[in-house]
């Protein structure tokens, strides 16, 4: 695996954000890992790093997508792939299995893989857009084939691609390095697992801090409107049950707007607690800021 000092310099200033990211686990099937040999590098590091990212992604509610080629593919479905790779997995149903260490769990999506790109003949792009994800974290094999082409296709579909340097692998160090250099210079960001994990942790800490800050501001304003001590209002108390009505909500909207938050009656009416309001306000304010930056 390449070291951090061997990685290409980034051409763009993209930073992965857990709230914007989706994780792609590309072709981690027994058939495709067989060339590396059981318990040997680079497979050992590859599997460990992909497992780390899957576990963290699930913890952070980052969608996890797998690609997997089918056994028993018809020649017409493989089409030109036959000319380069023959029947591929063929009738080997065990070879088509995603390895046990990285097995999908309920809630993960498994996309049938038909071509090099994870986007071809799949609903990956549509699903990412529908869930508000515009960053794709790419792991798996092989770096210079499906991973690189999926990164390029992500870029062509207006998704920021992040190729994880030590969570992809290839037939040779030269192929691996070529993929990293091409993606970094043409369509994405190359990052090691350790840096990505640290970035996610930092982003989560900032998001949590922002929500806490907004929570305290909301709590103080609600307490003022209701003539109670702010300390008596819990994060998960139902504010309507405590006596907050629609007229007071409208007053609160104006106060929050004056405080720089993207408040609206619709945003507040859709939640009932200080915690829910803080998250909704943080999201609405973040979206408004993003629109302003991109305008």
Protein backbone atom coordinates (compact mmCIF):
# COMPACT_ATOMS: atom_id res chain seq x y z
CA UNK A 1 0.00 0.00 0.00
CA UNK A 2 1.28 3.52 -0.72
CA UNK A 3 2.32 5.64 2.23
CA UNK A 4 0.96 9.13 2.89
CA UNK A 5 4.19 10.62 1.55
CA UNK A 6 3.73 8.83 -1.77
CA UNK A 7 0.26 10.18 -2.49
CA UNK A 8 -0.37 12.72 -5.26
CA UNK A 9 -1.13 16.29 -4.27
CA UNK A 10 -4.80 17.30 -4.42
CA UNK A 11 -5.90 19.48 -7.32
CA UNK A 12 -9.13 20.59 -5.62
CA UNK A 13 -9.91 21.67 -2.04
CA UNK A 14 -12.75 19.19 -1.43
CA UNK A 15 -13.25 17.93 2.12
CA UNK A 16 -15.41 14.94 2.93
CA UNK A 17 -18.39 15.64 5.17
CA UNK A 18 -20.34 12.75 6.77
CA UNK A 19 -23.65 14.53 6.13
CA UNK A 20 -22.87 14.69 2.40
CA UNK A 21 -21.05 11.39 1.91
CA UNK A 22 -21.92 7.89 0.73
CA UNK A 23 -19.50 4.96 0.90
CA UNK A 24 -18.95 2.66 -2.09
CA UNK A 25 -17.55 -0.82 -1.43
CA UNK A 26 -16.55 -1.86 -4.92
CA UNK A 27 -16.45 -5.54 -6.01
CA UNK A 28 -15.12 -6.96 -2.74
CA UNK A 29 -16.07 -10.47 -3.84
CA UNK A 30 -14.12 -13.67 -3.37
CA UNK A 31 -13.45 -13.99 -7.09
CA UNK A 32 -11.77 -10.59 -7.34
CA UNK A 33 -9.72 -10.95 -4.15
CA UNK A 34 -8.36 -14.38 -5.06
CA UNK A 35 -5.32 -12.98 -6.99
CA UNK A 36 -3.96 -11.43 -3.79
CA UNK A 37 -3.81 -14.66 -1.79
CA UNK A 38 -5.40 -15.30 1.59
CA UNK A 39 -3.83 -13.39 4.48
CA UNK A 40 -1.34 -11.57 2.25
CA UNK A 41 -0.75 -7.93 1.38
CA UNK A 42 -2.27 -5.85 -0.01
CA UNK A 43 -5.46 -7.78 0.82
CA UNK A 44 -4.88 -7.71 4.59
CA UNK A 45 -4.62 -3.93 4.80
CA UNK A 46 -7.31 -3.46 2.16
CA UNK A 47 -9.91 -5.51 4.03
CA UNK A 48 -9.05 -3.99 7.40
CA UNK A 49 -9.36 -0.42 6.12
CA UNK A 50 -12.57 -1.04 4.21
CA UNK A 51 -14.03 -2.68 7.34
CA UNK A 52 -13.03 0.36 9.40
CA UNK A 53 -14.80 2.71 6.99
CA UNK A 54 -17.92 0.55 6.78
CA UNK A 55 -18.23 0.41 10.57
CA UNK A 56 -17.75 4.15 10.92
CA UNK A 57 -20.10 4.92 8.03
CA UNK A 58 -22.91 2.96 9.64
CA UNK A 59 -22.26 4.69 12.97
CA UNK A 60 -22.45 8.11 11.28
CA UNK A 61 -25.54 7.23 9.18
CA UNK A 62 -23.50 7.40 5.97
CA UNK A 63 -25.20 5.23 3.32
CA UNK A 64 -23.17 2.18 2.31
CA UNK A 65 -23.38 0.89 -1.26
CA UNK A 66 -21.85 -2.35 -2.49
CA UNK A 67 -21.27 -3.45 -6.06
CA UNK A 68 -21.21 -7.13 -6.91
CA UNK A 69 -21.10 -8.99 -10.20
CA UNK A 70 -23.50 -11.88 -10.61
CA UNK A 71 -22.65 -15.48 -11.28
CA UNK A 72 -24.19 -17.04 -14.39
CA UNK A 73 -24.12 -13.84 -16.42
CA UNK A 74 -25.36 -14.25 -19.94
CA UNK A 75 -22.89 -13.44 -22.74
CA UNK A 76 -25.25 -10.77 -24.03
CA UNK A 77 -25.21 -9.06 -20.63
CA UNK A 78 -21.42 -9.11 -20.46
CA UNK A 79 -21.12 -8.02 -24.09
CA UNK A 80 -17.68 -6.45 -24.69
CA UNK A 81 -16.42 -7.54 -21.27
CA UNK A 82 -16.19 -11.02 -22.76
CA UNK A 83 -13.53 -9.83 -25.19
CA UNK A 84 -11.25 -8.63 -22.38
CA UNK A 85 -12.11 -10.92 -19.44
CA UNK A 86 -13.94 -13.93 -20.81
CA UNK A 87 -16.86 -15.23 -18.70
CA UNK A 88 -15.70 -13.47 -15.54
CA UNK A 89 -17.13 -15.11 -12.41
CA UNK A 90 -18.95 -17.59 -14.61
CA UNK A 91 -20.93 -20.20 -12.70
CA UNK A 92 -18.88 -19.79 -9.50
CA UNK A 93 -21.58 -18.77 -7.03
CA UNK A 94 -19.19 -18.87 -4.08
CA UNK A 95 -16.80 -16.59 -5.95
CA UNK A 96 -19.63 -14.09 -6.42
CA UNK A 97 -20.09 -13.71 -2.67
CA UNK A 98 -18.92 -10.55 -0.94
CA UNK A 99 -16.32 -11.65 1.61
CA UNK A 100 -17.65 -12.39 5.08
CA UNK A 101 -15.54 -9.70 6.77
CA UNK A 102 -17.36 -7.01 4.78
CA UNK A 103 -20.78 -8.62 4.40
CA UNK A 104 -23.67 -6.19 3.77
CA UNK A 105 -26.11 -5.59 6.60
CA UNK A 106 -29.78 -4.60 6.55
CA UNK A 107 -29.99 -1.01 5.35
CA UNK A 108 -26.99 -1.30 3.03
CA UNK A 109 -27.59 -1.29 -0.73
CA UNK A 110 -26.12 -3.93 -3.06
CA UNK A 111 -25.94 -2.87 -6.70
CA UNK A 112 -25.59 -5.42 -9.46
CA UNK A 113 -22.36 -4.67 -11.33
CA UNK A 114 -22.61 -4.81 -15.12
CA UNK A 115 -19.68 -2.69 -16.32
CA UNK A 116 -16.55 -1.08 -14.88
CA UNK A 117 -18.50 1.85 -13.42
CA UNK A 118 -20.81 1.44 -10.46
CA UNK A 119 -23.12 3.97 -12.13
CA UNK A 120 -23.76 1.92 -15.27
CA UNK A 121 -27.17 0.20 -15.36
CA UNK A 122 -27.79 1.08 -11.70
CA UNK A 123 -29.77 3.70 -9.81
CA UNK A 124 -26.75 4.90 -7.84
CA UNK A 125 -26.84 8.49 -9.15
CA UNK A 126 -30.58 8.83 -8.61
CA UNK A 127 -30.39 7.38 -5.10
CA UNK A 128 -27.52 9.64 -4.10
CA UNK A 129 -29.41 12.70 -5.29
CA UNK A 130 -32.63 11.61 -3.59
CA UNK A 131 -30.82 11.26 -0.26
CA UNK A 132 -28.94 14.55 -0.55
CA UNK A 133 -25.50 12.95 -0.94
CA UNK A 134 -23.06 14.66 -3.30
CA UNK A 135 -19.81 12.99 -2.20
CA UNK A 136 -18.82 9.39 -2.97
CA UNK A 137 -16.11 7.64 -0.97
CA UNK A 138 -14.66 4.86 -3.12
CA UNK A 139 -13.05 1.68 -1.77
CA UNK A 140 -12.44 -1.81 -3.15
CA UNK A 141 -10.87 -3.40 -6.24
CA UNK A 142 -9.44 -2.90 -8.72
CA UNK A 143 -8.07 0.60 -8.32
CA UNK A 144 -7.18 1.29 -11.96
CA UNK A 145 -10.31 -0.34 -13.41
CA UNK A 146 -13.68 -0.13 -11.69
CA UNK A 147 -12.64 2.19 -8.86
CA UNK A 148 -11.02 4.73 -11.20
CA UNK A 149 -13.85 4.58 -13.73
CA UNK A 150 -16.46 4.92 -10.97
CA UNK A 151 -14.62 8.00 -9.69
CA UNK A 152 -14.65 9.50 -13.18
CA UNK A 153 -18.34 8.68 -13.58
CA UNK A 154 -19.08 10.26 -10.19
CA UNK A 155 -17.37 13.43 -11.38
CA UNK A 156 -19.29 13.34 -14.67
CA UNK A 157 -22.51 13.13 -12.65
CA UNK A 158 -21.51 16.08 -10.41
CA UNK A 159 -20.59 14.03 -7.34
CA UNK A 160 -17.30 14.74 -5.58
CA UNK A 161 -15.22 11.55 -5.66
CA UNK A 162 -12.83 10.53 -2.87
CA UNK A 163 -10.59 7.55 -3.66
CA UNK A 164 -9.24 6.03 -0.44
CA UNK A 165 -5.61 5.23 -1.24
CA UNK A 166 -5.13 2.34 1.22
CA UNK A 167 -8.70 1.02 0.97
CA UNK A 168 -8.32 0.17 -2.73
CA UNK A 169 -5.94 -2.37 -4.24
CA UNK A 170 -4.72 -3.53 -7.63
CA UNK A 171 -2.75 -6.18 -9.52
CA UNK A 172 0.49 -4.26 -9.02
CA UNK A 173 1.93 -1.24 -7.23
CA UNK A 174 2.30 0.46 -10.61
CA UNK A 175 -1.38 0.01 -11.47
CA UNK A 176 -2.31 1.25 -8.00
CA UNK A 177 -0.15 4.36 -8.28
CA UNK A 178 -1.44 5.10 -11.78
CA UNK A 179 -5.04 5.07 -10.54
CA UNK A 180 -4.28 7.40 -7.63
CA UNK A 181 -2.41 9.86 -9.84
CA UNK A 182 -5.09 9.92 -12.52
CA UNK A 183 -7.99 10.42 -10.11
CA UNK A 184 -6.15 13.11 -8.13
CA UNK A 185 -5.34 15.02 -11.30
CA UNK A 186 -8.61 14.62 -13.17
CA UNK A 187 -11.72 13.92 -11.14
CA UNK A 188 -11.33 13.52 -7.39
CA UNK A 189 -9.40 13.62 -4.14
CA UNK A 190 -7.07 10.85 -2.97
CA UNK A 191 -6.94 10.34 0.78
CA UNK A 192 -5.68 7.62 3.15
CA UNK A 193 -8.07 5.93 5.58
CA UNK A 194 -6.53 7.56 8.65
CA UNK A 195 -7.00 11.07 7.25
CA UNK A 196 -10.57 10.37 6.19
CA UNK A 197 -11.50 8.99 9.61
CA UNK A 198 -9.95 12.06 11.28
CA UNK A 199 -11.82 14.40 8.94
CA UNK A 200 -15.13 12.71 9.65
CA UNK A 201 -14.50 12.92 13.39
CA UNK A 202 -13.67 16.62 13.15
CA UNK A 203 -16.76 17.34 11.05
CA UNK A 204 -18.99 15.44 13.47
CA UNK A 205 -17.54 17.34 16.41
CA UNK A 206 -18.19 20.67 14.68
CA UNK A 207 -21.74 19.65 13.79
CA UNK A 208 -22.44 18.51 17.36
CA UNK A 209 -21.03 21.74 18.74
CA UNK A 210 -23.18 23.79 16.39
CA UNK A 211 -26.34 21.92 17.39
CA UNK A 212 -25.56 22.39 21.08
CA UNK A 213 -25.01 26.12 20.51
CA UNK A 214 -28.30 26.46 18.63
CA UNK A 215 -30.06 24.37 21.30
CA UNK A 216 -29.02 26.78 24.04
CA UNK A 217 -30.14 29.79 22.03
CA UNK A 218 -33.52 28.20 21.26
CA UNK A 219 -33.98 27.16 24.88
CA UNK A 220 -33.27 30.68 26.10
CA UNK A 221 -35.71 32.27 23.64
CA UNK A 222 -38.47 29.77 24.44
CA UNK A 223 -37.98 30.30 28.17
CA UNK A 224 -38.25 34.05 27.68
CA UNK A 225 -41.49 33.69 25.73
CA UNK A 226 -43.01 31.36 28.30
CA UNK A 227 -41.71 33.18 31.39
CA UNK A 228 -39.93 30.12 32.78
CA UNK A 229 -36.38 29.25 33.77
CA UNK A 230 -34.42 27.96 30.75
CA UNK A 231 -32.92 25.20 32.92
CA UNK A 232 -36.41 23.75 33.39
CA UNK A 233 -36.77 22.99 29.66
CA UNK A 234 -35.21 19.68 28.69
CA UNK A 235 -33.80 18.89 25.26
CA UNK A 236 -36.58 16.40 24.57
CA UNK A 237 -39.53 18.05 26.33
CA UNK A 238 -42.56 18.55 24.09
CA UNK A 239 -42.80 22.34 23.90
CA UNK A 240 -46.44 22.28 22.84
CA UNK A 241 -47.32 20.32 25.96
CA UNK A 242 -45.44 22.94 27.97
CA UNK A 243 -47.75 25.63 26.58
CA UNK A 244 -45.98 26.96 23.46
CA UNK A 245 -48.62 27.94 20.89
CA UNK A 246 -48.58 29.01 17.22
CA UNK A 247 -48.62 32.73 18.05
CA UNK A 248 -45.53 32.38 20.21
CA UNK A 249 -43.88 30.26 17.50
CA UNK A 250 -44.35 33.14 15.05
CA UNK A 251 -42.73 35.51 17.56
CA UNK A 252 -39.88 33.02 17.95
CA UNK A 253 -39.40 32.83 14.16
CA UNK A 254 -38.72 36.57 14.01
CA UNK A 255 -36.32 36.39 16.95
CA UNK A 256 -34.37 33.50 15.45
CA UNK A 257 -34.18 35.19 12.04
CA UNK A 258 -32.75 38.29 13.68
CA UNK A 259 -30.17 36.00 15.27
CA UNK A 260 -29.01 34.78 11.84
CA UNK A 261 -30.84 31.46 11.73
CA UNK A 262 -32.96 30.30 8.77
CA UNK A 263 -36.15 30.05 10.81
CA UNK A 264 -39.63 29.66 9.38
CA UNK A 265 -42.96 28.56 10.76
CA UNK A 266 -42.74 25.43 8.59
CA UNK A 267 -39.35 24.49 10.02
CA UNK A 268 -40.47 24.91 13.63
CA UNK A 269 -43.93 23.41 13.17
CA UNK A 270 -42.33 20.21 11.90
CA UNK A 271 -40.61 19.57 15.24
CA UNK A 272 -41.65 19.66 18.89
CA UNK A 273 -38.55 19.73 21.10
CA UNK A 274 -35.52 21.95 21.61
CA UNK A 275 -33.27 19.20 20.21
CA UNK A 276 -35.42 18.72 17.10
CA UNK A 277 -35.68 22.46 16.51
CA UNK A 278 -31.93 22.92 16.85
CA UNK A 279 -31.19 20.20 14.29
CA UNK A 280 -33.81 21.54 11.88
CA UNK A 281 -32.56 25.11 12.22
CA UNK A 282 -28.94 24.05 11.78
CA UNK A 283 -29.82 22.15 8.62
CA UNK A 284 -31.93 24.96 7.16
CA UNK A 285 -29.25 27.55 7.93
CA UNK A 286 -26.53 25.36 6.43
CA UNK A 287 -28.54 24.84 3.23
CA UNK A 288 -29.20 28.57 2.92
CA UNK A 289 -25.50 29.33 3.39
CA UNK A 290 -24.54 26.75 0.74
CA UNK A 291 -26.96 28.24 -1.75
CA UNK A 292 -25.55 31.69 -1.08
CA UNK A 293 -21.97 30.52 -1.61
CA UNK A 294 -22.82 28.73 -4.86
CA UNK A 295 -25.01 31.47 -6.28
